[in-house]
Amino acid sequence: LGSQPRGSSTYSTTMAARVLCLALALAPAAAFVATQPSRAGVQVEATKADMKELAEANPDFLGSSLGLWDPLGCLSYEFWTLGNEATIGYLRHAEIKHGRVAMAAFLGYLTQSTPLVSGPHKLLPYKGYEPGLTPPEQWDAMPVYAKLQIFVLIGMLESYGEILEVHYCNGGLPGYYPPIKGNRPELWFNLYDPFGWFPEKTEEEKIRGRQVEINNGRLAQFGILSLLSEATTPGSVPALKGLIPVYEGNPMIPFEGDFSIFS
């Protein structure tokens, strides 16, 4: 996220109510992660024909009306000489992962827009915090070391997610994140269901959960990009016109206010 002068932006009660209503209306289902990779009910080593069948099997509107959508023909590619089926496994895993990140980003943007988060605090969340900042401005106000800690944590979780008995490029279940609790001293919880509250699901419930998660992830990608587009280019998303405070930085340059590699 880019930087800008620390101007103060306030939210009215009406705006807060709208944001909360939108968050509740579009709140996604919890991300699905299986306890063990399983071939039952899900195609793990898939060809392009299998992907068409899998897309059309989704009973929701997009699955039943649009079916397989691959305008760039990516399902016919071979990345890094992996072969076509391994490439399809990579693309399926990437879509699920991007959907999960987008769901977290979308709900995070809405949460950070509420007075509960952006309002005054008796105990400052971080050095440099100012009340009334928009979500992108809140990121700009964070110390660079705090931002780097977040990126290091993301990198650690990414690396742990690649340690799989059966990799998603070699027939493993796309979207599966392994248990990590106890693998290292600092890993006290699993990323999915850290407190063990979720009941065990039937295979049918798991299949339906995957379909719902993919749909919600796709919707969330549109959602977070719409919020950022309207913030940086007012009027670019007519449905959000006047609802999203203007942001003068560049959301694609996360350390714009801290350092530049190319200047």
C-alpha atoms as a PDB file:
ATOM      1  CA  LEU A   1       0.000   0.000   0.000  1.00  0.00           C
ATOM      2  CA  GLY A   2       1.267   3.451  -0.867  1.00  0.00           C
ATOM      3  CA  SER A   3       1.641   6.440   1.391  1.00  0.00           C
ATOM      4  CA  GLN A   4       0.027   9.820   1.572  1.00  0.00           C
ATOM      5  CA  PRO A   5      -0.088  12.713   4.080  1.00  0.00           C
ATOM      6  CA  ARG A   6      -1.723  11.560   7.262  1.00  0.00           C
ATOM      7  CA  GLY A   7      -5.058  13.238   6.631  1.00  0.00           C
ATOM      8  CA  SER A   8      -7.874  12.333   8.981  1.00  0.00           C
ATOM      9  CA  SER A   9     -10.984  10.593   7.592  1.00  0.00           C
ATOM     10  CA  THR A  10     -14.031  10.143   9.824  1.00  0.00           C
ATOM     11  CA  TYR A  11     -16.939   7.810   9.382  1.00  0.00           C
ATOM     12  CA  SER A  12     -20.497   8.667  10.253  1.00  0.00           C
ATOM     13  CA  THR A  13     -22.784   6.318  12.101  1.00  0.00           C
ATOM     14  CA  THR A  14     -24.624   5.721   8.859  1.00  0.00           C
ATOM     15  CA  MET A  15     -21.427   4.690   7.109  1.00  0.00           C
ATOM     16  CA  ALA A  16     -20.527   2.339   9.936  1.00  0.00           C
ATOM     17  CA  ALA A  17     -23.940   0.726   9.778  1.00  0.00           C
ATOM     18  CA  ARG A  18     -23.621   0.246   6.018  1.00  0.00           C
ATOM     19  CA  VAL A  19     -20.212  -1.327   6.381  1.00  0.00           C
ATOM     20  CA  LEU A  20     -21.364  -3.727   9.076  1.00  0.00           C
ATOM     21  CA  CYS A  21     -24.450  -4.716   7.101  1.00  0.00           C
ATOM     22  CA  LEU A  22     -22.314  -5.375   4.030  1.00  0.00           C
ATOM     23  CA  ALA A  23     -19.861  -7.448   6.051  1.00  0.00           C
ATOM     24  CA  LEU A  24     -22.642  -9.563   7.502  1.00  0.00           C
ATOM     25  CA  ALA A  25     -24.324  -9.994   4.148  1.00  0.00           C
ATOM     26  CA  LEU A  26     -21.195 -11.140   2.342  1.00  0.00           C
ATOM     27  CA  ALA A  27     -19.407 -12.936   5.163  1.00  0.00           C
ATOM     28  CA  PRO A  28     -17.802 -16.026   3.589  1.00  0.00           C
ATOM     29  CA  ALA A  29     -17.888 -19.554   4.869  1.00  0.00           C
ATOM     30  CA  ALA A  30     -14.856 -20.729   6.807  1.00  0.00           C
ATOM     31  CA  ALA A  31     -12.042 -21.895   4.556  1.00  0.00           C
ATOM     32  CA  PHE A  32     -12.132 -25.649   4.071  1.00  0.00           C
ATOM     33  CA  VAL A  33      -9.079 -27.693   4.838  1.00  0.00           C
ATOM     34  CA  ALA A  34      -9.341 -31.463   4.911  1.00  0.00           C
ATOM     35  CA  THR A  35      -7.822 -33.485   7.721  1.00  0.00           C
ATOM     36  CA  GLN A  36      -6.082 -35.743   5.213  1.00  0.00           C
ATOM     37  CA  PRO A  37      -5.867 -35.542   1.419  1.00  0.00           C
ATOM     38  CA  SER A  38      -8.571 -37.766  -0.022  1.00  0.00           C
ATOM     39  CA  ARG A  39      -9.463 -38.844  -3.524  1.00  0.00           C
ATOM     40  CA  ALA A  40     -13.077 -39.614  -2.665  1.00  0.00           C
ATOM     41  CA  GLY A  41     -15.477 -37.157  -4.261  1.00  0.00           C
ATOM     42  CA  VAL A  42     -12.816 -34.793  -5.594  1.00  0.00           C
ATOM     43  CA  GLN A  43     -10.660 -34.866  -8.700  1.00  0.00           C
ATOM     44  CA  VAL A  44      -7.000 -34.485  -7.639  1.00  0.00           C
ATOM     45  CA  GLU A  45      -5.095 -35.450 -10.783  1.00  0.00           C
ATOM     46  CA  ALA A  46      -7.309 -33.567 -13.222  1.00  0.00           C
ATOM     47  CA  THR A  47      -7.195 -32.959 -16.941  1.00  0.00           C
ATOM     48  CA  LYS A  48      -8.920 -30.085 -18.733  1.00  0.00           C
ATOM     49  CA  ALA A  49     -11.902 -32.334 -19.440  1.00  0.00           C
ATOM     50  CA  ASP A  50     -12.081 -33.238 -15.757  1.00  0.00           C
ATOM     51  CA  MET A  51     -12.060 -29.555 -14.840  1.00  0.00           C
ATOM     52  CA  LYS A  52     -15.006 -28.891 -17.133  1.00  0.00           C
ATOM     53  CA  GLU A  53     -16.964 -31.663 -15.458  1.00  0.00           C
ATOM     54  CA  LEU A  54     -15.955 -30.423 -12.006  1.00  0.00           C
ATOM     55  CA  ALA A  55     -17.020 -26.839 -12.777  1.00  0.00           C
ATOM     56  CA  GLU A  56     -20.399 -27.916 -14.112  1.00  0.00           C
ATOM     57  CA  ALA A  57     -20.955 -30.088 -11.026  1.00  0.00           C
ATOM     58  CA  ASN A  58     -21.121 -26.962  -8.850  1.00  0.00           C
ATOM     59  CA  PRO A  59     -24.861 -26.487  -8.224  1.00  0.00           C
ATOM     60  CA  ASP A  60     -24.591 -22.736  -7.617  1.00  0.00           C
ATOM     61  CA  PHE A  61     -25.425 -20.144 -10.254  1.00  0.00           C
ATOM     62  CA  LEU A  62     -21.950 -19.841 -11.774  1.00  0.00           C
ATOM     63  CA  GLY A  63     -21.461 -23.572 -12.017  1.00  0.00           C
ATOM     64  CA  SER A  64     -24.849 -24.290 -13.530  1.00  0.00           C
ATOM     65  CA  SER A  65     -24.845 -21.331 -15.957  1.00  0.00           C
ATOM     66  CA  LEU A  66     -21.239 -20.458 -16.785  1.00  0.00           C
ATOM     67  CA  GLY A  67     -19.537 -23.797 -16.256  1.00  0.00           C
ATOM     68  CA  LEU A  68     -15.822 -23.874 -17.025  1.00  0.00           C
ATOM     69  CA  TRP A  69     -14.386 -20.383 -17.582  1.00  0.00           C
ATOM     70  CA  ASP A  70     -10.850 -20.370 -18.957  1.00  0.00           C
ATOM     71  CA  PRO A  71     -10.605 -17.474 -21.462  1.00  0.00           C
ATOM     72  CA  LEU A  72      -6.782 -17.546 -21.552  1.00  0.00           C
ATOM     73  CA  GLY A  73      -6.578 -21.291 -22.042  1.00  0.00           C
ATOM     74  CA  CYS A  74      -4.387 -21.723 -18.962  1.00  0.00           C
ATOM     75  CA  LEU A  75      -5.612 -25.282 -18.449  1.00  0.00           C
ATOM     76  CA  SER A  76      -3.739 -26.260 -21.615  1.00  0.00           C
ATOM     77  CA  TYR A  77      -0.399 -24.828 -20.448  1.00  0.00           C
ATOM     78  CA  GLU A  78       2.621 -26.553 -18.917  1.00  0.00           C
ATOM     79  CA  PHE A  79       4.367 -24.389 -16.314  1.00  0.00           C
ATOM     80  CA  TRP A  80       8.072 -24.931 -15.607  1.00  0.00           C
ATOM     81  CA  THR A  81       8.034 -28.228 -17.575  1.00  0.00           C
ATOM     82  CA  LEU A  82       5.825 -29.754 -14.859  1.00  0.00           C
ATOM     83  CA  GLY A  83       3.402 -31.249 -17.323  1.00  0.00           C
ATOM     84  CA  ASN A  84      -0.213 -30.322 -17.930  1.00  0.00           C
ATOM     85  CA  GLU A  85      -1.818 -32.180 -15.009  1.00  0.00           C
ATOM     86  CA  ALA A  86       0.704 -30.749 -12.534  1.00  0.00           C
ATOM     87  CA  THR A  87       0.058 -27.272 -13.944  1.00  0.00           C
ATOM     88  CA  ILE A  88      -3.682 -27.727 -13.455  1.00  0.00           C
ATOM     89  CA  GLY A  89      -3.040 -28.790  -9.857  1.00  0.00           C
ATOM     90  CA  TYR A  90      -0.962 -25.658  -9.334  1.00  0.00           C
ATOM     91  CA  LEU A  91      -3.651 -23.397 -10.826  1.00  0.00           C
ATOM     92  CA  ARG A  92      -6.405 -24.972  -8.734  1.00  0.00           C
ATOM     93  CA  HIS A  93      -4.404 -24.552  -5.544  1.00  0.00           C
ATOM     94  CA  ALA A  94      -3.495 -20.964  -6.466  1.00  0.00           C
ATOM     95  CA  GLU A  95      -7.136 -20.018  -7.045  1.00  0.00           C
ATOM     96  CA  ILE A  96      -8.256 -21.423  -3.699  1.00  0.00           C
ATOM     97  CA  LYS A  97      -5.393 -19.702  -1.896  1.00  0.00           C
ATOM     98  CA  HIS A  98      -6.031 -16.353  -3.588  1.00  0.00           C
ATOM     99  CA  GLY A  99      -9.706 -16.671  -2.717  1.00  0.00           C
ATOM    100  CA  ARG A 100      -8.881 -17.205   0.954  1.00  0.00           C
ATOM    101  CA  VAL A 101      -6.570 -14.188   0.997  1.00  0.00           C
ATOM    102  CA  ALA A 102      -9.223 -12.080  -0.728  1.00  0.00           C
ATOM    103  CA  MET A 103     -11.885 -13.118   1.799  1.00  0.00           C
ATOM    104  CA  ALA A 104      -9.579 -12.081   4.653  1.00  0.00           C
ATOM    105  CA  ALA A 105      -8.688  -8.820   2.876  1.00  0.00           C
ATOM    106  CA  PHE A 106     -12.301  -7.900   2.100  1.00  0.00           C
ATOM    107  CA  LEU A 107     -13.569  -8.489   5.629  1.00  0.00           C
ATOM    108  CA  GLY A 108     -10.414  -6.880   7.028  1.00  0.00           C
ATOM    109  CA  TYR A 109     -11.009  -3.722   4.976  1.00  0.00           C
ATOM    110  CA  LEU A 110     -14.586  -3.484   6.255  1.00  0.00           C
ATOM    111  CA  THR A 111     -13.571  -4.154   9.853  1.00  0.00           C
ATOM    112  CA  GLN A 112     -10.794  -1.569   9.737  1.00  0.00           C
ATOM    113  CA  SER A 113     -13.293   0.991   8.426  1.00  0.00           C
ATOM    114  CA  THR A 114     -15.424   0.832  11.581  1.00  0.00           C
ATOM    115  CA  PRO A 115     -14.968   3.269  14.492  1.00  0.00           C
ATOM    116  CA  LEU A 116     -14.138   0.308  16.734  1.00  0.00           C
ATOM    117  CA  VAL A 117     -10.850  -0.130  14.855  1.00  0.00           C
ATOM    118  CA  SER A 118     -10.167   3.252  13.243  1.00  0.00           C
ATOM    119  CA  GLY A 119     -11.404   5.336  16.166  1.00  0.00           C
ATOM    120  CA  PRO A 120      -9.482   6.579  19.216  1.00  0.00           C
ATOM    121  CA  HIS A 121      -7.743   3.997  21.431  1.00  0.00           C
ATOM    122  CA  LYS A 122      -6.524   4.416  24.998  1.00  0.00           C
ATOM    123  CA  LEU A 123      -3.706   2.019  24.183  1.00  0.00           C
ATOM    124  CA  LEU A 124      -2.262   2.662  20.727  1.00  0.00           C
ATOM    125  CA  PRO A 125      -2.172  -0.482  18.528  1.00  0.00           C
ATOM    126  CA  TYR A 126       1.211   0.546  17.134  1.00  0.00           C
ATOM    127  CA  LYS A 127       3.619   3.453  17.150  1.00  0.00           C
ATOM    128  CA  GLY A 128       2.378   6.157  14.805  1.00  0.00           C
ATOM    129  CA  TYR A 129      -1.309   5.230  15.028  1.00  0.00           C
ATOM    130  CA  GLU A 130      -3.750   8.055  14.307  1.00  0.00           C
ATOM    131  CA  PRO A 131      -7.534   7.809  14.697  1.00  0.00           C
ATOM    132  CA  GLY A 132      -9.707   8.304  11.638  1.00  0.00           C
ATOM    133  CA  LEU A 133      -7.372   6.771   9.064  1.00  0.00           C
ATOM    134  CA  THR A 134      -8.743   4.606   6.266  1.00  0.00           C
ATOM    135  CA  PRO A 135      -7.485   0.990   5.974  1.00  0.00           C
ATOM    136  CA  PRO A 136      -4.768   1.824   3.410  1.00  0.00           C
ATOM    137  CA  GLU A 137      -3.689   4.815   5.512  1.00  0.00           C
ATOM    138  CA  GLN A 138      -3.505   2.597   8.576  1.00  0.00           C
ATOM    139  CA  TRP A 139      -1.003   0.412   6.735  1.00  0.00           C
ATOM    140  CA  ASP A 140       1.019   3.469   5.736  1.00  0.00           C
ATOM    141  CA  ALA A 141       1.165   4.643   9.347  1.00  0.00           C
ATOM    142  CA  MET A 142       2.643   1.374  10.602  1.00  0.00           C
ATOM    143  CA  PRO A 143       6.404   1.267  11.273  1.00  0.00           C
ATOM    144  CA  VAL A 144       8.374  -0.503   8.566  1.00  0.00           C
ATOM    145  CA  TYR A 145       9.517  -3.203  11.015  1.00  0.00           C
ATOM    146  CA  ALA A 146       5.895  -4.050  11.820  1.00  0.00           C
ATOM    147  CA  LYS A 147       5.175  -4.450   8.111  1.00  0.00           C
ATOM    148  CA  LEU A 148       8.224  -6.668   7.658  1.00  0.00           C
ATOM    149  CA  GLN A 149       7.087  -8.892  10.527  1.00  0.00           C
ATOM    150  CA  ILE A 150       3.775  -9.431   8.732  1.00  0.00           C
ATOM    151  CA  PHE A 151       5.551 -10.377   5.503  1.00  0.00           C
ATOM    152  CA  VAL A 152       7.882 -12.752   7.365  1.00  0.00           C
ATOM    153  CA  LEU A 153       4.875 -14.470   8.985  1.00  0.00           C
ATOM    154  CA  ILE A 154       3.215 -14.826   5.578  1.00  0.00           C
ATOM    155  CA  GLY A 155       6.405 -16.338   4.166  1.00  0.00           C
ATOM    156  CA  MET A 156       6.616 -18.821   7.041  1.00  0.00           C
ATOM    157  CA  LEU A 157       3.005 -19.941   6.552  1.00  0.00           C
ATOM    158  CA  GLU A 158       3.612 -20.258   2.808  1.00  0.00           C
ATOM    159  CA  SER A 159       6.654 -22.467   3.352  1.00  0.00           C
ATOM    160  CA  TYR A 160       4.857 -24.677   5.901  1.00  0.00           C
ATOM    161  CA  GLY A 161       1.970 -25.094   3.461  1.00  0.00           C
ATOM    162  CA  GLU A 162       4.339 -26.566   0.875  1.00  0.00           C
ATOM    163  CA  ILE A 163       5.501 -29.371   3.170  1.00  0.00           C
ATOM    164  CA  LEU A 164       3.018 -32.015   2.041  1.00  0.00           C
ATOM    165  CA  GLU A 165       3.049 -35.798   1.939  1.00  0.00           C
ATOM    166  CA  VAL A 166       1.467 -35.590  -1.513  1.00  0.00           C
ATOM    167  CA  HIS A 167       2.001 -32.222  -3.220  1.00  0.00           C
ATOM    168  CA  TYR A 168      -0.939 -30.639  -5.045  1.00  0.00           C
ATOM    169  CA  CYS A 169       1.103 -30.700  -8.255  1.00  0.00           C
ATOM    170  CA  ASN A 170       1.568 -34.460  -7.911  1.00  0.00           C
ATOM    171  CA  GLY A 171      -1.979 -35.573  -7.185  1.00  0.00           C
ATOM    172  CA  GLY A 172      -2.490 -34.016  -3.747  1.00  0.00           C
ATOM    173  CA  LEU A 173      -5.711 -32.256  -2.800  1.00  0.00           C
ATOM    174  CA  PRO A 174      -5.700 -28.607  -4.040  1.00  0.00           C
ATOM    175  CA  GLY A 175      -6.256 -26.165  -1.201  1.00  0.00           C
ATOM    176  CA  TYR A 176      -5.134 -28.572   1.506  1.00  0.00           C
ATOM    177  CA  TYR A 177      -3.121 -26.943   4.310  1.00  0.00           C
ATOM    178  CA  PRO A 178      -1.382 -29.434   6.613  1.00  0.00           C
ATOM    179  CA  PRO A 179      -1.482 -29.349  10.412  1.00  0.00           C
ATOM    180  CA  ILE A 180       1.502 -27.343  11.679  1.00  0.00           C
ATOM    181  CA  LYS A 181       0.967 -27.349  15.451  1.00  0.00           C
ATOM    182  CA  GLY A 182       4.127 -28.520  17.209  1.00  0.00           C
ATOM    183  CA  ASN A 183       6.295 -28.670  14.089  1.00  0.00           C
ATOM    184  CA  ARG A 184       8.349 -25.824  15.553  1.00  0.00           C
ATOM    185  CA  PRO A 185       8.443 -24.311  19.074  1.00  0.00           C
ATOM    186  CA  GLU A 186       6.606 -21.162  17.945  1.00  0.00           C
ATOM    187  CA  LEU A 187       3.775 -23.067  16.277  1.00  0.00           C
ATOM    188  CA  TRP A 188       1.209 -23.392  19.052  1.00  0.00           C
ATOM    189  CA  PHE A 189      -1.860 -23.695  16.806  1.00  0.00           C
ATOM    190  CA  ASN A 190      -2.936 -25.054  13.449  1.00  0.00           C
ATOM    191  CA  LEU A 191      -3.856 -22.472  10.840  1.00  0.00           C
ATOM    192  CA  TYR A 192      -7.239 -24.107  10.274  1.00  0.00           C
ATOM    193  CA  ASP A 193      -9.457 -24.745  13.316  1.00  0.00           C
ATOM    194  CA  PRO A 194      -6.737 -23.711  15.813  1.00  0.00           C
ATOM    195  CA  PHE A 195      -8.909 -24.524  18.853  1.00  0.00           C
ATOM    196  CA  GLY A 196     -10.497 -27.734  17.534  1.00  0.00           C
ATOM    197  CA  TRP A 197     -14.016 -26.339  17.645  1.00  0.00           C
ATOM    198  CA  PHE A 198     -15.218 -27.516  14.222  1.00  0.00           C
ATOM    199  CA  PRO A 199     -16.953 -30.913  14.084  1.00  0.00           C
ATOM    200  CA  GLU A 200     -15.802 -33.587  11.658  1.00  0.00           C
ATOM    201  CA  LYS A 201     -17.581 -33.317   8.313  1.00  0.00           C
ATOM    202  CA  THR A 202     -18.974 -36.018   6.086  1.00  0.00           C
ATOM    203  CA  GLU A 203     -17.481 -36.405   2.621  1.00  0.00           C
ATOM    204  CA  GLU A 204     -20.589 -34.799   1.085  1.00  0.00           C
ATOM    205  CA  GLU A 205     -20.253 -31.799   3.415  1.00  0.00           C
ATOM    206  CA  LYS A 206     -16.573 -31.458   2.487  1.00  0.00           C
ATOM    207  CA  ILE A 207     -17.374 -31.464  -1.230  1.00  0.00           C
ATOM    208  CA  ARG A 208     -20.070 -28.830  -0.750  1.00  0.00           C
ATOM    209  CA  GLY A 209     -17.710 -26.813   1.464  1.00  0.00           C
ATOM    210  CA  ARG A 210     -15.114 -26.718  -1.309  1.00  0.00           C
ATOM    211  CA  GLN A 211     -17.671 -25.477  -3.806  1.00  0.00           C
ATOM    212  CA  VAL A 212     -18.914 -22.751  -1.464  1.00  0.00           C
ATOM    213  CA  GLU A 213     -15.381 -21.678  -0.608  1.00  0.00           C
ATOM    214  CA  ILE A 214     -14.370 -21.338  -4.255  1.00  0.00           C
ATOM    215  CA  ASN A 215     -17.479 -19.266  -5.029  1.00  0.00           C
ATOM    216  CA  ASN A 216     -16.977 -17.004  -2.004  1.00  0.00           C
ATOM    217  CA  GLY A 217     -13.292 -16.606  -2.820  1.00  0.00           C
ATOM    218  CA  ARG A 218     -14.071 -15.472  -6.350  1.00  0.00           C
ATOM    219  CA  LEU A 219     -16.659 -13.002  -5.063  1.00  0.00           C
ATOM    220  CA  ALA A 220     -14.202 -11.678  -2.462  1.00  0.00           C
ATOM    221  CA  GLN A 221     -11.569 -11.042  -5.153  1.00  0.00           C
ATOM    222  CA  PHE A 222     -14.053  -8.837  -6.968  1.00  0.00           C
ATOM    223  CA  GLY A 223     -14.977  -7.237  -3.630  1.00  0.00           C
ATOM    224  CA  ILE A 224     -11.518  -6.198  -2.430  1.00  0.00           C
ATOM    225  CA  LEU A 225     -10.478  -4.967  -5.884  1.00  0.00           C
ATOM    226  CA  SER A 226     -13.683  -2.922  -6.080  1.00  0.00           C
ATOM    227  CA  LEU A 227     -12.939  -1.266  -2.742  1.00  0.00           C
ATOM    228  CA  LEU A 228      -9.357  -0.431  -3.728  1.00  0.00           C
ATOM    229  CA  SER A 229     -10.405   0.765  -7.198  1.00  0.00           C
ATOM    230  CA  GLU A 230     -13.042   3.124  -5.816  1.00  0.00           C
ATOM    231  CA  ALA A 231     -10.635   4.408  -3.153  1.00  0.00           C
ATOM    232  CA  THR A 232      -7.882   5.233  -5.655  1.00  0.00           C
ATOM    233  CA  THR A 233     -10.102   6.185  -8.617  1.00  0.00           C
ATOM    234  CA  PRO A 234     -13.361   7.687  -7.331  1.00  0.00           C
ATOM    235  CA  GLY A 235     -16.306   6.819  -9.553  1.00  0.00           C
ATOM    236  CA  SER A 236     -14.658   3.748 -11.070  1.00  0.00           C
ATOM    237  CA  VAL A 237     -17.150   1.509  -9.238  1.00  0.00           C
ATOM    238  CA  PRO A 238     -20.548   3.242  -9.603  1.00  0.00           C
ATOM    239  CA  ALA A 239     -22.214   1.113  -6.916  1.00  0.00           C
ATOM    240  CA  LEU A 240     -19.674   2.363  -4.352  1.00  0.00           C
ATOM    241  CA  LYS A 241     -19.565   5.997  -5.447  1.00  0.00           C
ATOM    242  CA  GLY A 242     -19.385   8.265  -2.428  1.00  0.00           C
ATOM    243  CA  LEU A 243     -19.119   5.384   0.054  1.00  0.00           C
ATOM    244  CA  ILE A 244     -15.355   4.748   0.026  1.00  0.00           C
ATOM    245  CA  PRO A 245     -12.986   7.508   1.238  1.00  0.00           C
ATOM    246  CA  VAL A 246     -10.380   8.589  -1.300  1.00  0.00           C
ATOM    247  CA  TYR A 247      -6.867   7.184  -0.972  1.00  0.00           C
ATOM    248  CA  GLU A 248      -4.067   9.084  -2.706  1.00  0.00           C
ATOM    249  CA  GLY A 249      -1.372   6.433  -2.400  1.00  0.00           C
ATOM    250  CA  ASN A 250      -0.687   3.381  -4.526  1.00  0.00           C
ATOM    251  CA  PRO A 251      -2.073   0.142  -3.052  1.00  0.00           C
ATOM    252  CA  MET A 252       0.259  -1.872  -5.304  1.00  0.00           C
ATOM    253  CA  ILE A 253       3.399  -0.435  -3.661  1.00  0.00           C
ATOM    254  CA  PRO A 254       3.282  -1.636  -0.042  1.00  0.00           C
ATOM    255  CA  PHE A 255       6.466   0.145   1.086  1.00  0.00           C
ATOM    256  CA  GLU A 256       6.036   3.335  -0.924  1.00  0.00           C
ATOM    257  CA  GLY A 257       6.299   5.541   2.186  1.00  0.00           C
ATOM    258  CA  ASP A 258       9.267   3.667   3.676  1.00  0.00           C
ATOM    259  CA  PHE A 259      11.818   2.960   0.928  1.00  0.00           C
ATOM    260  CA  SER A 260      12.113   2.445  -2.803  1.00  0.00           C
ATOM    261  CA  ILE A 261      14.220  -0.153  -4.558  1.00  0.00           C
ATOM    262  CA  PHE A 262      14.292   1.661  -7.889  1.00  0.00           C
ATOM    263  CA  SER A 263      14.831   5.301  -6.871  1.00  0.00           C
END
